[in-house]
Amino acid sequence: MSRAATDWAWNLELSAAPKLLMLSLADRADEMHCCYPSIQRLVKDTGMDRKTIGKWINQMMEDGLISDTGERKGRTKQIRVLQLKIGTEQAQKRNSPKNGTCTKNGHETIPNLDDKRSQKRDTESVIEPVNEPLNTQAAKAACDIGMNDHHIAGRYAFEGNVIRLNHNDYRSWLNLYPLIDLNYELQRLDIEFTHEKPKNWFITASQKLSYQNKQAAARTIPATKPKLDLNNTDWIYGVEL
């Protein structure tokens, strides 16, 4: 396992499904950030099906987060060796706003200071940051609304001793596991993880939630009753049908 790869994967701005897959890849990366888990291994780690895993791997390759080294491993030499592009900021740059504009979550950005001002800030005790004025009043209003919403909602949709889910991951899990009471299951898992913390709580929790969701789906399948045969007179003699 590469600690650098795992830290990098956690800091990526991804939704729950691709982040879970990326963490599974990072968990098996070597010192060169290369890994070659089988599809079956990834299915077991993430709870996703083969088609979904293939879709997200292709998407992450297009985004420049991982690459196919061309090498093949495994007994049949058919497993691709993937390399995590540690240090890439493509995902962050693609979603980052320009200076002086309102970000997607409603925050106002602070323009970069030049080197001279940065050095001066280091020598003085306290200097308040300078916010450049927004281009329009409408943009300022949008930023204000977004900041208020942020304070109301809080940083996490669920926050326990171990499990801490942001709003995007929480909504993704609601969609992935619609047949279970997500809050109840998260509280139960948080108690379990508090006593025995797993190596990677995000992957472990996702596996357990996927199992509970499948169990709930199995319980919702109605049992079919046998058809009553009117020609069968065994019921008259107390024979159970």
Protein backbone atom coordinates (compact mmCIF):
# COMPACT_ATOMS: atom_id res chain seq x y z
CA MET A 1 0.00 0.00 0.00
CA SER A 2 1.23 3.50 -0.87
CA ARG A 3 0.48 6.07 1.83
CA ALA A 4 1.10 8.87 -0.66
CA ALA A 5 -1.40 7.34 -3.10
CA THR A 6 -4.03 6.94 -0.39
CA ASP A 7 -3.61 10.54 0.83
CA TRP A 8 -3.81 11.78 -2.75
CA ALA A 9 -6.99 9.77 -3.39
CA TRP A 10 -8.68 11.17 -0.29
CA ASN A 11 -7.98 14.74 -1.41
CA LEU A 12 -9.53 14.30 -4.87
CA GLU A 13 -12.85 16.06 -5.46
CA LEU A 14 -14.81 12.99 -6.53
CA SER A 15 -18.27 11.68 -5.76
CA ALA A 16 -18.70 8.60 -3.58
CA ALA A 17 -18.60 5.88 -6.26
CA PRO A 18 -15.39 6.94 -8.11
CA LYS A 19 -13.71 7.93 -4.84
CA LEU A 20 -14.41 4.49 -3.39
CA LEU A 21 -12.93 2.91 -6.51
CA MET A 22 -9.88 5.21 -6.42
CA LEU A 23 -9.27 4.38 -2.75
CA SER A 24 -9.40 0.69 -3.59
CA LEU A 25 -6.78 1.21 -6.32
CA ALA A 26 -4.60 3.35 -4.03
CA ASP A 27 -4.83 0.70 -1.31
CA ARG A 28 -3.04 -1.72 -3.64
CA ALA A 29 -0.55 0.69 -5.21
CA ASP A 30 3.19 0.06 -4.89
CA GLU A 31 5.98 2.61 -4.41
CA MET A 32 5.66 3.55 -8.10
CA HIS A 33 1.91 4.10 -7.57
CA CYS A 34 1.11 1.13 -9.84
CA CYS A 35 -1.56 -1.48 -9.10
CA TYR A 36 -3.25 -4.37 -10.87
CA PRO A 37 -6.27 -5.61 -8.87
CA SER A 38 -8.62 -7.90 -10.75
CA ILE A 39 -12.16 -6.83 -11.59
CA GLN A 40 -13.43 -9.45 -9.14
CA ARG A 41 -11.33 -7.87 -6.40
CA LEU A 42 -12.70 -4.40 -7.17
CA VAL A 43 -16.27 -5.73 -7.22
CA LYS A 44 -15.74 -7.18 -3.75
CA ASP A 45 -14.09 -3.99 -2.45
CA THR A 46 -16.65 -1.51 -3.75
CA GLY A 47 -19.91 -3.42 -4.08
CA MET A 48 -20.27 -2.09 -7.63
CA ASP A 49 -20.86 -4.28 -10.68
CA ARG A 50 -18.27 -4.92 -13.40
CA LYS A 51 -19.89 -2.53 -15.88
CA THR A 52 -19.93 0.37 -13.41
CA ILE A 53 -16.30 -0.25 -12.44
CA GLY A 54 -15.24 -0.29 -16.09
CA LYS A 55 -17.11 2.95 -16.73
CA TRP A 56 -15.44 4.79 -13.85
CA ILE A 57 -11.96 3.48 -14.69
CA ASN A 58 -12.34 4.72 -18.27
CA GLN A 59 -13.60 8.08 -17.00
CA MET A 60 -10.67 8.47 -14.61
CA MET A 61 -8.27 7.64 -17.43
CA GLU A 62 -9.87 10.35 -19.58
CA ASP A 63 -9.54 12.80 -16.67
CA GLY A 64 -5.83 12.01 -16.36
CA LEU A 65 -6.11 10.58 -12.85
CA ILE A 66 -4.85 7.12 -13.84
CA SER A 67 -3.13 5.66 -16.90
CA ASP A 68 -2.67 2.24 -18.49
CA THR A 69 1.04 1.37 -18.39
CA GLY A 70 0.59 -1.24 -21.13
CA GLU A 71 1.94 -3.96 -18.84
CA ARG A 72 -0.22 -6.99 -18.05
CA LYS A 73 -0.13 -9.14 -14.91
CA GLY A 74 -1.89 -12.13 -13.45
CA ARG A 75 -1.85 -15.80 -14.29
CA THR A 76 -3.38 -15.17 -17.71
CA LYS A 77 -1.47 -11.91 -18.30
CA GLN A 78 -4.74 -10.09 -18.94
CA ILE A 79 -4.96 -7.76 -15.91
CA ARG A 80 -4.02 -4.19 -16.79
CA VAL A 81 -1.37 -2.47 -14.69
CA LEU A 82 -2.70 0.99 -13.85
CA GLN A 83 -0.63 3.88 -12.55
CA LEU A 84 -2.12 6.56 -10.33
CA LYS A 85 -1.03 10.01 -11.50
CA ILE A 86 -0.02 11.28 -8.08
CA GLY A 87 0.20 15.05 -7.96
CA THR A 88 -2.19 15.77 -10.80
CA GLU A 89 -4.60 18.61 -10.15
CA GLN A 90 -6.75 18.21 -13.23
CA ALA A 91 -9.91 17.41 -11.32
CA GLN A 92 -9.43 20.40 -9.05
CA LYS A 93 -8.46 22.78 -11.87
CA ARG A 94 -11.44 21.78 -13.96
CA ASN A 95 -13.81 22.79 -11.16
CA SER A 96 -11.88 25.75 -9.77
CA PRO A 97 -13.25 29.29 -10.39
CA LYS A 98 -11.36 32.28 -11.66
CA ASN A 99 -10.14 34.90 -9.21
CA GLY A 100 -12.81 37.30 -8.03
CA THR A 101 -15.78 35.07 -8.84
CA CYS A 102 -18.24 33.01 -6.85
CA THR A 103 -17.40 29.33 -6.47
CA LYS A 104 -19.85 26.49 -7.04
CA ASN A 105 -20.64 26.13 -3.34
CA GLY A 106 -21.16 29.85 -2.92
CA HIS A 107 -17.80 30.90 -1.46
CA GLU A 108 -16.07 34.07 -2.56
CA THR A 109 -12.50 33.48 -3.68
CA ILE A 110 -9.52 35.58 -2.63
CA PRO A 111 -7.12 36.56 -5.43
CA ASN A 112 -3.53 35.38 -5.11
CA LEU A 113 -1.15 37.88 -3.47
CA ASP A 114 2.13 38.71 -5.13
CA ASP A 115 5.45 37.56 -3.67
CA LYS A 116 6.20 40.88 -2.00
CA ARG A 117 2.90 40.97 -0.15
CA SER A 118 3.29 37.30 0.84
CA GLN A 119 6.72 38.03 2.37
CA LYS A 120 5.34 41.02 4.23
CA ARG A 121 2.54 38.89 5.63
CA ASP A 122 5.11 36.46 7.04
CA THR A 123 6.97 39.22 8.94
CA GLU A 124 3.94 40.98 10.41
CA SER A 125 1.84 39.57 13.22
CA VAL A 126 -1.68 39.76 11.75
CA ILE A 127 -2.84 41.01 8.35
CA GLU A 128 -6.47 40.70 7.34
CA PRO A 129 -6.93 39.15 3.86
CA VAL A 130 -8.06 41.53 1.14
CA ASN A 131 -11.10 40.47 -0.88
CA GLU A 132 -11.34 41.91 -4.36
CA PRO A 133 -14.81 43.35 -5.16
CA LEU A 134 -17.06 41.17 -7.26
CA ASN A 135 -17.94 42.21 -10.78
CA THR A 136 -21.67 42.55 -10.21
CA GLN A 137 -24.10 42.90 -7.34
CA ALA A 138 -25.88 39.77 -8.53
CA ALA A 139 -22.71 37.73 -8.13
CA LYS A 140 -22.24 39.09 -4.60
CA ALA A 141 -25.80 38.16 -3.69
CA ALA A 142 -25.27 34.64 -5.01
CA CYS A 143 -22.12 34.28 -2.92
CA ASP A 144 -23.91 35.52 0.21
CA ILE A 145 -26.72 33.03 -0.28
CA GLY A 146 -24.29 30.20 -0.83
CA MET A 147 -22.32 31.06 2.32
CA ASN A 148 -25.48 31.14 4.41
CA ASP A 149 -26.54 27.76 3.06
CA HIS A 150 -23.11 26.39 3.87
CA HIS A 151 -23.28 27.51 7.49
CA ILE A 152 -26.77 26.07 7.88
CA ALA A 153 -25.95 22.72 6.31
CA GLY A 154 -22.59 22.19 8.04
CA ARG A 155 -19.52 20.51 6.66
CA TYR A 156 -20.74 16.92 7.08
CA ALA A 157 -24.09 15.31 6.36
CA PHE A 158 -23.18 12.62 8.89
CA GLU A 159 -20.46 13.02 11.51
CA GLY A 160 -19.57 10.31 14.00
CA ASN A 161 -16.45 9.33 15.89
CA VAL A 162 -14.99 7.55 12.86
CA ILE A 163 -17.43 7.96 9.97
CA ARG A 164 -17.64 11.46 8.51
CA LEU A 165 -19.53 11.84 5.24
CA ASN A 166 -19.74 15.06 3.28
CA HIS A 167 -22.99 15.97 1.59
CA ASN A 168 -22.00 14.67 -1.86
CA ASP A 169 -20.94 11.24 -0.54
CA TYR A 170 -24.05 11.03 1.65
CA ARG A 171 -26.36 11.72 -1.30
CA SER A 172 -24.46 9.20 -3.42
CA TRP A 173 -24.89 6.50 -0.78
CA LEU A 174 -28.59 7.32 -0.52
CA ASN A 175 -28.86 6.61 -4.24
CA LEU A 176 -26.65 3.50 -4.11
CA TYR A 177 -28.43 1.94 -1.12
CA PRO A 178 -32.10 3.01 -1.29
CA LEU A 179 -33.53 0.00 0.58
CA ILE A 180 -31.90 0.64 3.97
CA ASP A 181 -32.17 3.27 6.69
CA LEU A 182 -28.86 4.97 5.95
CA ASN A 183 -28.69 7.05 9.16
CA TYR A 184 -29.37 4.02 11.35
CA GLU A 185 -26.79 1.89 9.53
CA LEU A 186 -24.17 4.66 9.72
CA GLN A 187 -24.74 5.07 13.47
CA ARG A 188 -24.44 1.32 13.97
CA LEU A 189 -21.25 1.13 11.91
CA ASP A 190 -19.75 4.14 13.68
CA ILE A 191 -20.19 2.40 17.04
CA GLU A 192 -18.59 -0.75 15.61
CA PHE A 193 -15.68 1.18 14.07
CA THR A 194 -15.12 3.14 17.29
CA HIS A 195 -14.29 -0.10 19.10
CA GLU A 196 -12.33 -1.62 16.21
CA LYS A 197 -11.35 0.85 13.50
CA PRO A 198 -10.86 -0.80 10.09
CA LYS A 199 -7.92 -0.12 7.81
CA ASN A 200 -10.11 1.95 5.49
CA TRP A 201 -13.50 2.80 7.01
CA PHE A 202 -14.92 4.20 3.74
CA ILE A 203 -14.41 0.96 1.80
CA THR A 204 -15.47 -1.24 4.73
CA ALA A 205 -18.63 0.78 5.36
CA SER A 206 -19.54 0.69 1.67
CA GLN A 207 -19.15 -3.09 1.58
CA LYS A 208 -21.35 -3.55 4.65
CA LEU A 209 -24.01 -1.15 3.37
CA SER A 210 -24.03 -2.91 0.00
CA TYR A 211 -24.60 -6.24 1.77
CA GLN A 212 -27.45 -4.82 3.88
CA ASN A 213 -29.06 -3.31 0.79
CA LYS A 214 -28.90 -6.66 -1.04
CA GLN A 215 -30.41 -8.42 1.98
CA ALA A 216 -33.23 -5.87 2.07
CA ALA A 217 -33.85 -6.41 -1.64
CA ALA A 218 -34.08 -10.17 -1.08
CA ARG A 219 -36.60 -9.67 1.71
CA THR A 220 -38.86 -7.54 -0.48
CA ILE A 221 -39.37 -10.33 -3.06
CA PRO A 222 -42.89 -11.69 -2.35
CA ALA A 223 -43.15 -15.41 -1.64
CA THR A 224 -45.36 -17.22 -4.15
CA LYS A 225 -48.15 -19.35 -2.69
CA PRO A 226 -48.91 -22.74 -4.25
CA LYS A 227 -51.97 -22.85 -6.42
CA LEU A 228 -54.95 -24.60 -4.85
CA ASP A 229 -55.87 -27.78 -6.70
CA LEU A 230 -59.63 -28.17 -6.35
CA ASN A 231 -59.35 -31.78 -7.49
CA ASN A 232 -57.06 -32.60 -4.57
CA THR A 233 -59.18 -33.69 -1.60
CA ASP A 234 -56.30 -34.19 0.84
CA TRP A 235 -57.31 -31.01 2.69
CA ILE A 236 -60.50 -32.76 3.80
CA TYR A 237 -58.40 -35.22 5.83
CA GLY A 238 -56.25 -32.56 7.45
CA VAL A 239 -53.32 -32.90 5.09
CA GLU A 240 -51.50 -29.56 4.93
CA LEU A 241 -51.17 -28.20 1.42
